[in-house]
Amino acid sequence: MISVIVPAYNEEKCLPETLKRIRQALSVLTCPSEVIVVDNDSEDGTKQIAESFGAKIFPEKEHNISRVRNTGARNSGGDVLVFVDADTMISELLLQEIVAKMNDEKCFGGAVSVAYETSQRRWIKFYLLGWKFWEKVVNAKQGATQFCRRETFTELGGYNESIYLGEDVEFYWRLSKLAKRKQGFLFFIENLKVTTSARRFDKMSWWKTILLTNPLLIRLAWKRKGFWKDWYEKAVR
């Protein structure tokens, strides 16, 4: 069974398309599946939208993305867990590709390459090229879509709840170490990229964009909740 877990906080604008794409991708599978939306104390129509798509809904009041992801995993029933951000669109064949890779017992999980919607700020595409460079240098795979086996997730203790941003990269690092130690591997899917909203690049000031999306700063401050108000208290939507 495959469980697709979607963390969501005030996502009524993006969630319908995200869930539509997930439903399309699940329709081509032959294995059992479920969609779980973790409602992170939303104040808009997030819960109602999730209900309209037939998703299982679980609440999580604590504004901590690691905890939200873990709540979804804890309430899921799948042998394979796939985490998809609420503002991310997947291709129709992606889940089929993930299931195929996970049929190899040596595959512990992986991640999917991320493309961003075209930003209103032209310079952003050049800035993102820097992300791609560092992604390869430090093995930093983003969590817009990540996947792993349930038993592996449990062994790792899930996402680190002391981290408020960059939890996806930190989880991938630990996942990579575990796979290497057990003579397994991770699979990075590049041919079926997911597309993520560029809203933060468009709506945040240019200096905040540079500051708060800097990989080095994220690593230095990822345990300081107060530093990430633009992701929690004043989330861009």
Protein backbone atom coordinates (compact mmCIF):
# COMPACT_ATOMS: atom_id res chain seq x y z
CA MET A 1 0.00 0.00 0.00
CA ILE A 2 1.19 3.52 -0.78
CA SER A 3 0.33 6.51 1.42
CA VAL A 4 0.59 10.01 -0.03
CA ILE A 5 0.94 12.55 2.79
CA VAL A 6 0.26 16.24 2.23
CA PRO A 7 1.07 18.77 5.00
CA ALA A 8 -1.23 21.79 4.62
CA TYR A 9 -1.53 25.16 6.34
CA ASN A 10 -3.97 27.66 4.79
CA GLU A 11 -3.55 26.07 1.37
CA GLU A 12 -7.01 26.58 -0.16
CA LYS A 13 -5.50 28.21 -3.27
CA CYS A 14 -2.95 25.53 -4.17
CA LEU A 15 -4.42 22.39 -2.61
CA PRO A 16 -7.15 21.66 -5.22
CA GLU A 17 -4.66 21.32 -8.08
CA THR A 18 -2.23 19.36 -5.90
CA LEU A 19 -4.88 16.84 -4.89
CA LYS A 20 -6.22 16.63 -8.43
CA ARG A 21 -2.75 15.68 -9.71
CA ILE A 22 -2.28 13.16 -6.91
CA ARG A 23 -5.63 11.54 -7.67
CA GLN A 24 -4.70 11.27 -11.35
CA ALA A 25 -1.36 9.68 -10.46
CA LEU A 26 -3.01 7.18 -8.12
CA SER A 27 -5.55 6.18 -10.79
CA VAL A 28 -2.86 4.37 -12.82
CA LEU A 29 -1.65 2.25 -9.88
CA THR A 30 -2.73 -1.31 -9.26
CA CYS A 31 -1.76 -1.35 -5.57
CA PRO A 32 -3.92 -0.02 -2.70
CA SER A 33 -3.42 3.64 -1.85
CA GLU A 34 -4.57 6.47 0.35
CA VAL A 35 -4.21 10.26 0.50
CA ILE A 36 -3.69 11.91 3.86
CA VAL A 37 -3.92 15.66 4.39
CA VAL A 38 -2.56 16.94 7.69
CA ASP A 39 -4.41 20.15 8.48
CA ASN A 40 -1.96 22.35 10.39
CA ASP A 41 -4.65 24.41 12.16
CA SER A 42 -5.71 26.16 8.96
CA GLU A 43 -8.05 29.15 9.10
CA ASP A 44 -9.31 28.90 5.51
CA GLY A 45 -11.03 26.20 3.47
CA THR A 46 -8.15 23.72 3.50
CA LYS A 47 -10.05 21.04 5.43
CA GLN A 48 -13.19 21.33 3.26
CA ILE A 49 -11.15 21.04 0.07
CA ALA A 50 -9.37 17.95 1.35
CA GLU A 51 -12.73 16.41 2.23
CA SER A 52 -14.08 17.12 -1.24
CA PHE A 53 -11.25 15.07 -2.76
CA GLY A 54 -11.87 12.14 -0.43
CA ALA A 55 -8.63 12.53 1.50
CA LYS A 56 -8.21 11.32 5.05
CA ILE A 57 -7.75 14.36 7.28
CA PHE A 58 -5.79 14.53 10.50
CA PRO A 59 -5.26 17.69 12.58
CA GLU A 60 -1.97 18.98 13.91
CA LYS A 61 -2.06 22.27 15.80
CA GLU A 62 1.67 22.68 16.38
CA HIS A 63 3.23 24.81 13.64
CA ASN A 64 6.28 22.68 13.01
CA ILE A 65 6.60 21.16 9.55
CA SER A 66 8.52 18.14 10.86
CA ARG A 67 5.75 17.33 13.32
CA VAL A 68 3.10 17.82 10.64
CA ARG A 69 4.87 15.33 8.36
CA ASN A 70 5.29 12.90 11.24
CA THR A 71 1.60 13.16 12.16
CA GLY A 72 0.72 12.13 8.63
CA ALA A 73 3.10 9.17 8.71
CA ARG A 74 1.86 8.05 12.11
CA ASN A 75 -1.74 7.93 10.89
CA SER A 76 -0.99 6.28 7.55
CA GLY A 77 -1.26 2.61 6.66
CA GLY A 78 1.07 2.32 3.69
CA ASP A 79 4.28 0.35 3.34
CA VAL A 80 5.60 3.18 1.17
CA LEU A 81 5.28 6.79 2.33
CA VAL A 82 5.32 9.65 -0.16
CA PHE A 83 5.41 13.24 1.13
CA VAL A 84 4.11 15.89 -1.26
CA ASP A 85 3.98 19.60 -0.38
CA ALA A 86 0.58 21.24 -0.68
CA ASP A 87 1.77 23.69 -3.35
CA THR A 88 3.41 21.02 -5.51
CA MET A 89 2.09 19.40 -8.67
CA ILE A 90 3.20 15.89 -9.60
CA SER A 91 3.08 14.16 -12.97
CA GLU A 92 0.58 11.40 -13.71
CA LEU A 93 3.34 8.78 -13.91
CA LEU A 94 5.35 9.78 -10.85
CA LEU A 95 3.74 7.51 -8.26
CA GLN A 96 3.96 4.60 -10.67
CA GLU A 97 7.69 5.30 -11.01
CA ILE A 98 8.10 5.45 -7.22
CA VAL A 99 6.31 2.13 -6.74
CA ALA A 100 8.48 0.55 -9.42
CA LYS A 101 11.68 1.74 -7.73
CA MET A 102 10.52 0.63 -4.30
CA ASN A 103 9.90 -2.89 -5.61
CA ASP A 104 13.67 -3.24 -5.39
CA GLU A 105 14.32 -4.20 -1.76
CA LYS A 106 17.65 -2.39 -1.86
CA CYS A 107 15.93 0.94 -2.53
CA PHE A 108 15.32 2.68 0.79
CA GLY A 109 13.60 5.72 -0.71
CA GLY A 110 14.52 8.92 -2.48
CA ALA A 111 13.35 12.29 -3.71
CA VAL A 112 12.13 13.98 -6.86
CA SER A 113 13.75 16.85 -8.75
CA VAL A 114 11.96 20.16 -8.28
CA ALA A 115 11.12 22.78 -10.89
CA TYR A 116 9.53 26.08 -9.92
CA GLU A 117 6.73 27.91 -11.66
CA THR A 118 7.97 30.92 -13.62
CA SER A 119 8.60 33.76 -11.20
CA GLN A 120 7.62 37.35 -11.88
CA ARG A 121 11.20 38.24 -10.98
CA ARG A 122 13.45 37.25 -13.87
CA TRP A 123 16.60 37.03 -11.75
CA ILE A 124 15.12 34.20 -9.69
CA LYS A 125 15.85 31.59 -12.37
CA PHE A 126 19.56 32.40 -12.13
CA TYR A 127 19.42 32.33 -8.34
CA LEU A 128 17.87 28.85 -8.48
CA LEU A 129 20.79 27.63 -10.59
CA GLY A 130 22.88 28.15 -7.48
CA TRP A 131 20.51 25.90 -5.57
CA LYS A 132 20.99 23.17 -8.16
CA PHE A 133 24.75 23.46 -7.78
CA TRP A 134 24.71 23.15 -3.99
CA GLU A 135 22.11 20.39 -4.16
CA LYS A 136 24.66 18.22 -5.94
CA VAL A 137 27.63 19.29 -3.83
CA VAL A 138 26.06 18.57 -0.42
CA ASN A 139 23.45 15.98 -1.42
CA ALA A 140 20.62 18.34 -0.44
CA LYS A 141 17.44 16.93 -1.95
CA GLN A 142 14.37 19.09 -1.36
CA GLY A 143 11.25 17.73 0.28
CA ALA A 144 8.63 18.97 -2.16
CA THR A 145 8.35 15.25 -2.87
CA GLN A 146 10.26 12.63 -0.88
CA PHE A 147 9.55 8.95 -0.33
CA CYS A 148 10.73 6.00 1.74
CA ARG A 149 9.66 2.71 3.28
CA ARG A 150 7.61 2.84 6.47
CA GLU A 151 10.06 0.61 8.34
CA THR A 152 12.91 2.91 7.31
CA PHE A 153 10.98 5.99 8.39
CA THR A 154 10.31 4.38 11.77
CA GLU A 155 13.94 3.35 12.21
CA LEU A 156 15.07 6.92 11.55
CA GLY A 157 12.49 8.35 13.95
CA GLY A 158 10.85 10.35 11.18
CA TYR A 159 11.59 14.01 10.57
CA ASN A 160 13.54 15.85 13.24
CA GLU A 161 11.02 17.92 15.22
CA SER A 162 13.69 20.22 16.63
CA ILE A 163 14.13 21.63 13.09
CA TYR A 164 11.74 24.26 11.70
CA LEU A 165 13.15 24.66 8.19
CA GLY A 166 15.40 22.41 6.16
CA GLU A 167 13.97 19.31 7.85
CA ASP A 168 13.66 17.67 4.45
CA VAL A 169 17.37 17.99 3.69
CA GLU A 170 18.34 16.76 7.15
CA PHE A 171 16.03 13.75 6.78
CA TYR A 172 17.51 12.93 3.37
CA TRP A 173 21.01 13.04 4.82
CA ARG A 174 20.07 10.52 7.52
CA LEU A 175 18.22 8.39 4.98
CA SER A 176 21.32 8.35 2.77
CA LYS A 177 23.57 7.27 5.65
CA LEU A 178 21.21 4.48 6.64
CA ALA A 179 20.96 3.17 3.07
CA LYS A 180 24.75 3.21 2.70
CA ARG A 181 25.26 1.44 6.03
CA LYS A 182 22.83 -1.30 5.00
CA GLN A 183 24.27 -1.58 1.48
CA GLY A 184 21.17 -0.12 -0.12
CA PHE A 185 20.60 2.98 -2.21
CA LEU A 186 18.32 5.96 -2.74
CA PHE A 187 16.79 6.95 -6.06
CA PHE A 188 16.62 10.55 -7.23
CA ILE A 189 13.94 10.92 -9.89
CA GLU A 190 14.88 13.59 -12.44
CA ASN A 191 12.85 12.68 -15.51
CA LEU A 192 9.47 13.31 -13.82
CA LYS A 193 10.06 16.62 -12.07
CA VAL A 194 7.48 18.07 -9.72
CA THR A 195 6.45 21.71 -10.11
CA THR A 196 6.28 23.90 -7.03
CA SER A 197 4.75 27.34 -6.53
CA ALA A 198 7.05 30.36 -6.88
CA ARG A 199 4.85 32.45 -4.57
CA ARG A 200 7.55 33.13 -2.00
CA PHE A 201 9.91 34.41 -4.68
CA ASP A 202 7.17 36.72 -5.98
CA LYS A 203 5.71 38.02 -2.72
CA MET A 204 8.65 38.24 -0.31
CA SER A 205 10.95 41.24 -0.52
CA TRP A 206 14.09 40.61 -2.56
CA TRP A 207 16.36 40.81 0.49
CA LYS A 208 14.24 38.36 2.47
CA THR A 209 14.26 36.01 -0.50
CA ILE A 210 18.05 36.03 -0.62
CA LEU A 211 18.40 35.83 3.16
CA LEU A 212 15.78 33.26 4.11
CA THR A 213 16.39 30.83 1.24
CA ASN A 214 20.16 30.81 1.64
CA PRO A 215 21.23 27.18 2.27
CA LEU A 216 24.01 28.17 4.67
CA LEU A 217 21.71 30.35 6.79
CA ILE A 218 19.04 27.65 6.84
CA ARG A 219 21.61 25.19 8.20
CA LEU A 220 22.79 27.63 10.87
CA ALA A 221 19.32 28.64 12.03
CA TRP A 222 17.08 25.67 11.31
CA LYS A 223 16.36 25.06 15.02
CA ARG A 224 15.40 28.69 15.76
CA LYS A 225 11.63 28.82 15.34
CA GLY A 226 11.41 32.60 15.79
CA PHE A 227 13.66 33.10 12.78
CA TRP A 228 11.17 31.52 10.40
CA LYS A 229 8.06 33.66 10.94
CA ASP A 230 7.65 34.01 7.18
CA TRP A 231 7.05 30.24 7.04
CA TYR A 232 4.81 30.04 10.11
CA GLU A 233 3.28 33.15 11.69
CA LYS A 234 3.29 35.20 8.49
CA ALA A 235 3.29 32.43 5.90
CA VAL A 236 3.19 33.66 2.30
CA ARG A 237 -0.05 32.48 0.65
